[in-house]
């Protein structure tokens, strides 16, 4: 059974930091995790950060320089370090994995940034 579990969300003041974790279990592994998405109130789900080819990483323009995505292979997790948070970063954050052309999603973790 494939399972992705996000954690690390919470309430933080503007300018603060949070670190999100996406733990993979079952028949899926950290290298299957493609990236992080978020869905704000009344908005569509959008890509925040993703792994590209050759070890590269890609970020939405709105988070460049503030967010960092990384893999922790020892713990089979993918992390999203979020610094200098802004109220517009408020959203439910999801990690996404793909295996055998099928997408998998976690349940999401709520991030709320107060002004």
N, C-alpha and C. Protein backbone atom coordinates (compact mmCIF):
# COMPACT_ATOMS: atom_id res chain seq x y z
N UNK A 1 0.85 -1.19 0.00
CA UNK A 1 0.00 0.00 0.00
C UNK A 1 0.89 1.24 0.00
N UNK A 2 0.59 2.12 -0.92
CA UNK A 2 1.36 3.36 -1.03
C UNK A 2 0.79 4.40 -0.07
N UNK A 3 1.67 5.05 0.66
CA UNK A 3 1.22 6.08 1.58
C UNK A 3 2.20 7.23 1.59
N UNK A 4 1.64 8.45 1.50
CA UNK A 4 2.40 9.67 1.66
C UNK A 4 1.78 10.44 2.81
N UNK A 5 2.57 10.83 3.77
CA UNK A 5 2.06 11.54 4.94
C UNK A 5 2.83 12.83 5.11
N UNK A 6 2.10 13.95 4.98
CA UNK A 6 2.71 15.26 5.19
C UNK A 6 2.57 15.66 6.65
N UNK A 7 3.54 16.40 7.13
CA UNK A 7 3.50 16.94 8.48
C UNK A 7 4.34 18.21 8.55
N UNK A 8 4.22 18.91 9.66
CA UNK A 8 5.03 20.10 9.87
C UNK A 8 4.32 21.42 9.69
N UNK A 9 3.08 21.36 9.25
CA UNK A 9 2.32 22.60 9.08
C UNK A 9 1.95 23.21 10.42
N UNK A 10 1.38 24.40 10.35
CA UNK A 10 0.96 25.07 11.57
C UNK A 10 0.72 26.54 11.33
N UNK A 11 0.58 27.25 12.44
CA UNK A 11 0.35 28.70 12.41
C UNK A 11 1.66 29.41 12.72
N UNK A 12 2.03 30.36 11.88
CA UNK A 12 3.28 31.08 12.08
C UNK A 12 3.06 32.53 11.68
N UNK A 13 3.80 33.43 12.30
CA UNK A 13 3.71 34.84 11.94
C UNK A 13 4.50 35.11 10.67
N UNK A 14 4.12 36.14 9.97
CA UNK A 14 4.84 36.54 8.78
C UNK A 14 6.32 36.75 9.11
N UNK A 15 7.17 36.26 8.23
CA UNK A 15 8.60 36.32 8.46
C UNK A 15 9.18 35.09 9.11
N UNK A 16 8.31 34.24 9.61
CA UNK A 16 8.75 33.03 10.28
C UNK A 16 9.07 31.90 9.32
N UNK A 17 9.38 30.74 9.89
CA UNK A 17 9.79 29.57 9.11
C UNK A 17 9.03 28.33 9.55
N UNK A 18 8.88 27.42 8.62
CA UNK A 18 8.34 26.09 8.90
C UNK A 18 9.09 25.10 8.02
N UNK A 19 9.16 23.87 8.47
CA UNK A 19 9.72 22.81 7.65
C UNK A 19 8.70 21.70 7.52
N UNK A 20 8.29 21.45 6.31
CA UNK A 20 7.32 20.39 6.03
C UNK A 20 8.06 19.11 5.67
N UNK A 21 7.45 18.00 6.06
CA UNK A 21 7.99 16.68 5.72
C UNK A 21 6.94 15.87 4.99
N UNK A 22 7.39 15.09 4.03
CA UNK A 22 6.53 14.14 3.33
C UNK A 22 7.17 12.77 3.47
N UNK A 23 6.55 11.93 4.25
CA UNK A 23 7.10 10.60 4.50
C UNK A 23 6.45 9.59 3.57
N UNK A 24 7.28 8.84 2.88
CA UNK A 24 6.79 7.82 1.96
C UNK A 24 6.89 6.45 2.63
N UNK A 25 5.88 5.62 2.39
CA UNK A 25 5.91 4.25 2.93
C UNK A 25 5.16 3.32 2.01
N UNK A 26 5.28 2.03 2.30
CA UNK A 26 4.69 1.05 1.42
C UNK A 26 5.63 0.78 0.27
N UNK A 27 5.12 0.73 -0.92
CA UNK A 27 5.94 0.39 -2.08
C UNK A 27 6.44 1.63 -2.81
N UNK A 28 6.46 2.75 -2.14
CA UNK A 28 6.92 3.99 -2.75
C UNK A 28 8.06 4.55 -1.93
N UNK A 29 8.95 5.27 -2.63
CA UNK A 29 10.15 5.75 -1.96
C UNK A 29 10.36 7.24 -2.23
N UNK A 30 11.29 7.79 -1.49
CA UNK A 30 11.54 9.24 -1.57
C UNK A 30 11.88 9.66 -3.00
N UNK A 31 12.55 8.80 -3.76
CA UNK A 31 12.91 9.22 -5.11
C UNK A 31 11.71 9.23 -6.06
N UNK A 32 10.57 8.66 -5.62
CA UNK A 32 9.34 8.74 -6.40
C UNK A 32 8.60 10.07 -6.19
N UNK A 33 8.96 10.77 -5.12
CA UNK A 33 8.27 12.01 -4.80
C UNK A 33 8.78 13.10 -5.73
N UNK A 34 7.84 13.75 -6.43
CA UNK A 34 8.20 14.72 -7.45
C UNK A 34 8.28 16.14 -6.91
N UNK A 35 7.46 16.44 -5.92
CA UNK A 35 7.50 17.81 -5.43
C UNK A 35 6.36 18.14 -4.49
N UNK A 36 6.25 19.42 -4.19
CA UNK A 36 5.23 19.96 -3.29
C UNK A 36 4.30 20.88 -4.08
N UNK A 37 3.01 20.76 -3.76
CA UNK A 37 1.98 21.64 -4.30
C UNK A 37 1.27 22.29 -3.12
N UNK A 38 0.50 23.33 -3.43
CA UNK A 38 -0.33 23.94 -2.40
C UNK A 38 -1.64 24.41 -3.01
N UNK A 39 -2.64 24.51 -2.14
CA UNK A 39 -3.94 25.01 -2.56
C UNK A 39 -4.43 25.98 -1.52
N UNK A 40 -4.47 27.26 -1.90
CA UNK A 40 -4.95 28.29 -1.00
C UNK A 40 -6.47 28.40 -1.06
N UNK A 41 -7.06 29.13 -0.13
CA UNK A 41 -8.51 29.30 -0.09
C UNK A 41 -9.04 29.87 -1.40
N UNK A 42 -9.98 29.16 -2.02
CA UNK A 42 -10.57 29.63 -3.26
C UNK A 42 -9.65 29.61 -4.46
N UNK A 43 -8.53 28.91 -4.35
CA UNK A 43 -7.57 28.88 -5.45
C UNK A 43 -7.37 27.46 -5.96
N UNK A 44 -6.80 27.36 -7.15
CA UNK A 44 -6.46 26.06 -7.68
C UNK A 44 -5.14 25.57 -7.08
N UNK A 45 -4.97 24.25 -7.10
CA UNK A 45 -3.71 23.69 -6.62
C UNK A 45 -2.59 24.13 -7.56
N UNK A 46 -1.47 24.54 -6.98
CA UNK A 46 -0.35 25.01 -7.78
C UNK A 46 0.95 24.35 -7.33
N UNK A 47 1.87 24.25 -8.27
CA UNK A 47 3.18 23.69 -7.97
C UNK A 47 3.99 24.71 -7.19
N UNK A 48 4.63 24.26 -6.12
CA UNK A 48 5.47 25.12 -5.31
C UNK A 48 6.94 24.84 -5.58
N UNK A 49 7.32 23.56 -5.49
CA UNK A 49 8.72 23.18 -5.67
C UNK A 49 8.77 21.76 -6.18
N UNK A 50 9.73 21.48 -7.05
CA UNK A 50 9.80 20.15 -7.63
C UNK A 50 11.24 19.79 -7.96
N UNK A 51 11.46 18.49 -8.07
CA UNK A 51 12.76 18.00 -8.50
C UNK A 51 12.76 17.90 -10.02
N UNK A 52 13.84 18.41 -10.62
CA UNK A 52 13.98 18.28 -12.06
C UNK A 52 14.98 17.19 -12.40
N UNK A 53 15.35 17.13 -13.64
CA UNK A 53 16.30 16.11 -14.07
C UNK A 53 17.72 16.52 -13.66
N UNK A 54 18.56 15.52 -13.50
CA UNK A 54 19.95 15.80 -13.19
C UNK A 54 20.18 16.44 -11.84
N UNK A 55 19.29 16.19 -10.91
CA UNK A 55 19.47 16.72 -9.57
C UNK A 55 19.09 18.17 -9.40
N UNK A 56 18.44 18.74 -10.39
CA UNK A 56 18.04 20.15 -10.29
C UNK A 56 16.74 20.27 -9.51
N UNK A 57 16.44 21.49 -9.09
CA UNK A 57 15.19 21.80 -8.42
C UNK A 57 14.55 23.01 -9.08
N UNK A 58 13.23 23.03 -9.05
CA UNK A 58 12.48 24.13 -9.66
C UNK A 58 11.50 24.68 -8.65
N UNK A 59 11.30 25.99 -8.70
CA UNK A 59 10.43 26.66 -7.75
C UNK A 59 9.48 27.61 -8.46
N UNK A 60 8.30 27.77 -7.88
CA UNK A 60 7.40 28.81 -8.35
C UNK A 60 8.07 30.16 -8.11
N UNK A 61 7.82 31.10 -8.99
CA UNK A 61 8.44 32.42 -8.84
C UNK A 61 8.13 33.04 -7.48
N UNK A 62 6.94 32.77 -6.97
CA UNK A 62 6.50 33.39 -5.72
C UNK A 62 7.27 32.90 -4.50
N UNK A 63 7.98 31.76 -4.63
CA UNK A 63 8.68 31.22 -3.47
C UNK A 63 10.20 31.14 -3.67
N UNK A 64 10.67 31.50 -4.84
CA UNK A 64 12.11 31.43 -5.11
C UNK A 64 12.89 32.24 -4.10
N UNK A 65 13.96 31.64 -3.61
CA UNK A 65 14.80 32.30 -2.63
C UNK A 65 14.31 32.18 -1.20
N UNK A 66 13.10 31.65 -1.02
CA UNK A 66 12.54 31.50 0.32
C UNK A 66 12.30 30.04 0.70
N UNK A 67 11.99 29.20 -0.28
CA UNK A 67 11.69 27.79 -0.02
C UNK A 67 12.82 26.93 -0.60
N UNK A 68 13.06 25.81 0.06
CA UNK A 68 14.07 24.85 -0.40
C UNK A 68 13.52 23.43 -0.28
N UNK A 69 13.57 22.70 -1.37
CA UNK A 69 13.12 21.30 -1.37
C UNK A 69 14.34 20.40 -1.32
N UNK A 70 14.23 19.31 -0.57
CA UNK A 70 15.35 18.38 -0.47
C UNK A 70 14.84 16.99 -0.15
N UNK A 71 15.68 16.01 -0.38
CA UNK A 71 15.34 14.61 -0.06
C UNK A 71 16.20 14.15 1.11
N UNK A 72 15.58 13.41 2.01
CA UNK A 72 16.27 12.73 3.09
C UNK A 72 16.12 11.24 2.82
N UNK A 73 17.08 10.68 2.11
CA UNK A 73 16.94 9.29 1.69
C UNK A 73 17.02 8.33 2.88
N UNK A 74 17.77 8.71 3.92
CA UNK A 74 17.89 7.83 5.09
C UNK A 74 16.54 7.60 5.75
N UNK A 75 15.68 8.63 5.69
CA UNK A 75 14.37 8.53 6.35
C UNK A 75 13.22 8.43 5.35
N UNK A 76 13.57 8.29 4.06
CA UNK A 76 12.55 8.11 3.02
C UNK A 76 11.54 9.26 3.03
N UNK A 77 12.06 10.47 3.17
CA UNK A 77 11.18 11.65 3.22
C UNK A 77 11.69 12.73 2.27
N UNK A 78 10.78 13.63 1.94
CA UNK A 78 11.11 14.84 1.20
C UNK A 78 10.73 16.02 2.07
N UNK A 79 11.60 16.99 2.15
CA UNK A 79 11.41 18.15 3.01
C UNK A 79 11.16 19.40 2.20
N UNK A 80 10.43 20.32 2.80
CA UNK A 80 10.26 21.64 2.21
C UNK A 80 10.54 22.65 3.32
N UNK A 81 11.70 23.29 3.25
CA UNK A 81 12.04 24.34 4.19
C UNK A 81 11.47 25.65 3.68
N UNK A 82 10.66 26.28 4.51
CA UNK A 82 9.99 27.51 4.11
C UNK A 82 10.41 28.63 5.05
N UNK A 83 11.08 29.61 4.51
CA UNK A 83 11.56 30.76 5.28
C UNK A 83 10.89 32.05 4.80
N UNK A 84 11.00 33.06 5.61
CA UNK A 84 10.43 34.37 5.26
C UNK A 84 8.99 34.23 4.78
N UNK A 85 8.20 33.51 5.54
CA UNK A 85 6.83 33.23 5.13
C UNK A 85 5.98 34.49 5.07
N UNK A 86 5.06 34.48 4.12
CA UNK A 86 4.15 35.60 3.89
C UNK A 86 2.71 35.13 4.06
N UNK A 87 1.78 36.04 4.37
CA UNK A 87 0.38 35.63 4.48
C UNK A 87 -0.13 34.93 3.21
N UNK A 88 0.37 35.30 2.06
CA UNK A 88 -0.09 34.67 0.81
C UNK A 88 0.42 33.25 0.65
N UNK A 89 1.30 32.80 1.55
CA UNK A 89 1.72 31.40 1.54
C UNK A 89 0.72 30.49 2.26
N UNK A 90 -0.30 31.08 2.86
CA UNK A 90 -1.32 30.30 3.55
C UNK A 90 -2.02 29.36 2.58
N UNK A 91 -2.00 28.08 2.89
CA UNK A 91 -2.57 27.06 1.99
C UNK A 91 -2.45 25.70 2.66
N UNK A 92 -3.10 24.73 2.04
CA UNK A 92 -2.84 23.33 2.37
C UNK A 92 -1.74 22.85 1.43
N UNK A 93 -0.70 22.28 1.99
CA UNK A 93 0.44 21.84 1.21
C UNK A 93 0.40 20.32 1.05
N UNK A 94 0.60 19.87 -0.18
CA UNK A 94 0.55 18.45 -0.53
C UNK A 94 1.85 18.03 -1.19
N UNK A 95 2.28 16.80 -0.91
CA UNK A 95 3.37 16.26 -1.70
C UNK A 95 2.80 15.31 -2.74
N UNK A 96 3.51 15.18 -3.82
CA UNK A 96 3.07 14.38 -4.96
C UNK A 96 4.16 13.41 -5.36
N UNK A 97 3.74 12.19 -5.62
CA UNK A 97 4.67 11.17 -6.09
C UNK A 97 4.08 10.53 -7.34
N UNK A 98 4.96 10.01 -8.15
CA UNK A 98 4.51 9.30 -9.35
C UNK A 98 5.28 7.99 -9.45
N UNK A 99 4.52 6.92 -9.69
CA UNK A 99 5.12 5.61 -9.86
C UNK A 99 4.30 4.85 -10.88
N UNK A 100 4.98 4.32 -11.87
CA UNK A 100 4.31 3.58 -12.95
C UNK A 100 3.17 4.40 -13.55
N UNK A 101 3.48 5.67 -13.82
CA UNK A 101 2.56 6.60 -14.48
C UNK A 101 1.32 6.91 -13.66
N UNK A 102 1.32 6.60 -12.39
CA UNK A 102 0.18 6.92 -11.53
C UNK A 102 0.61 7.93 -10.48
N UNK A 103 -0.24 8.94 -10.27
CA UNK A 103 0.04 9.96 -9.28
C UNK A 103 -0.51 9.58 -7.91
N UNK A 104 0.25 9.93 -6.89
CA UNK A 104 -0.17 9.70 -5.50
C UNK A 104 -0.05 11.02 -4.74
N UNK A 105 -1.00 11.23 -3.84
CA UNK A 105 -1.04 12.45 -3.03
C UNK A 105 -1.19 12.09 -1.57
N UNK A 106 -0.62 12.94 -0.71
CA UNK A 106 -0.88 12.82 0.70
C UNK A 106 -2.16 13.54 1.06
N UNK A 107 -2.46 13.58 2.37
CA UNK A 107 -3.69 14.20 2.83
C UNK A 107 -3.55 15.71 2.99
N UNK A 108 -2.32 16.19 2.95
CA UNK A 108 -2.07 17.62 3.05
C UNK A 108 -1.80 18.07 4.48
N UNK A 109 -1.11 19.18 4.60
CA UNK A 109 -0.86 19.79 5.90
C UNK A 109 -1.11 21.30 5.78
N UNK A 110 -1.84 21.83 6.74
CA UNK A 110 -2.26 23.23 6.69
C UNK A 110 -1.14 24.15 7.15
N UNK A 111 -0.86 25.15 6.36
CA UNK A 111 0.07 26.22 6.74
C UNK A 111 -0.71 27.52 6.77
N UNK A 112 -0.67 28.20 7.89
CA UNK A 112 -1.36 29.48 8.04
C UNK A 112 -0.34 30.52 8.49
N UNK A 113 -0.22 31.59 7.73
CA UNK A 113 0.73 32.65 8.04
C UNK A 113 -0.06 33.91 8.39
N UNK A 114 0.11 34.37 9.61
CA UNK A 114 -0.61 35.57 10.06
C UNK A 114 0.22 36.82 9.82
N UNK A 115 -0.48 37.91 9.55
CA UNK A 115 0.23 39.18 9.26
C UNK A 115 0.50 39.96 10.52
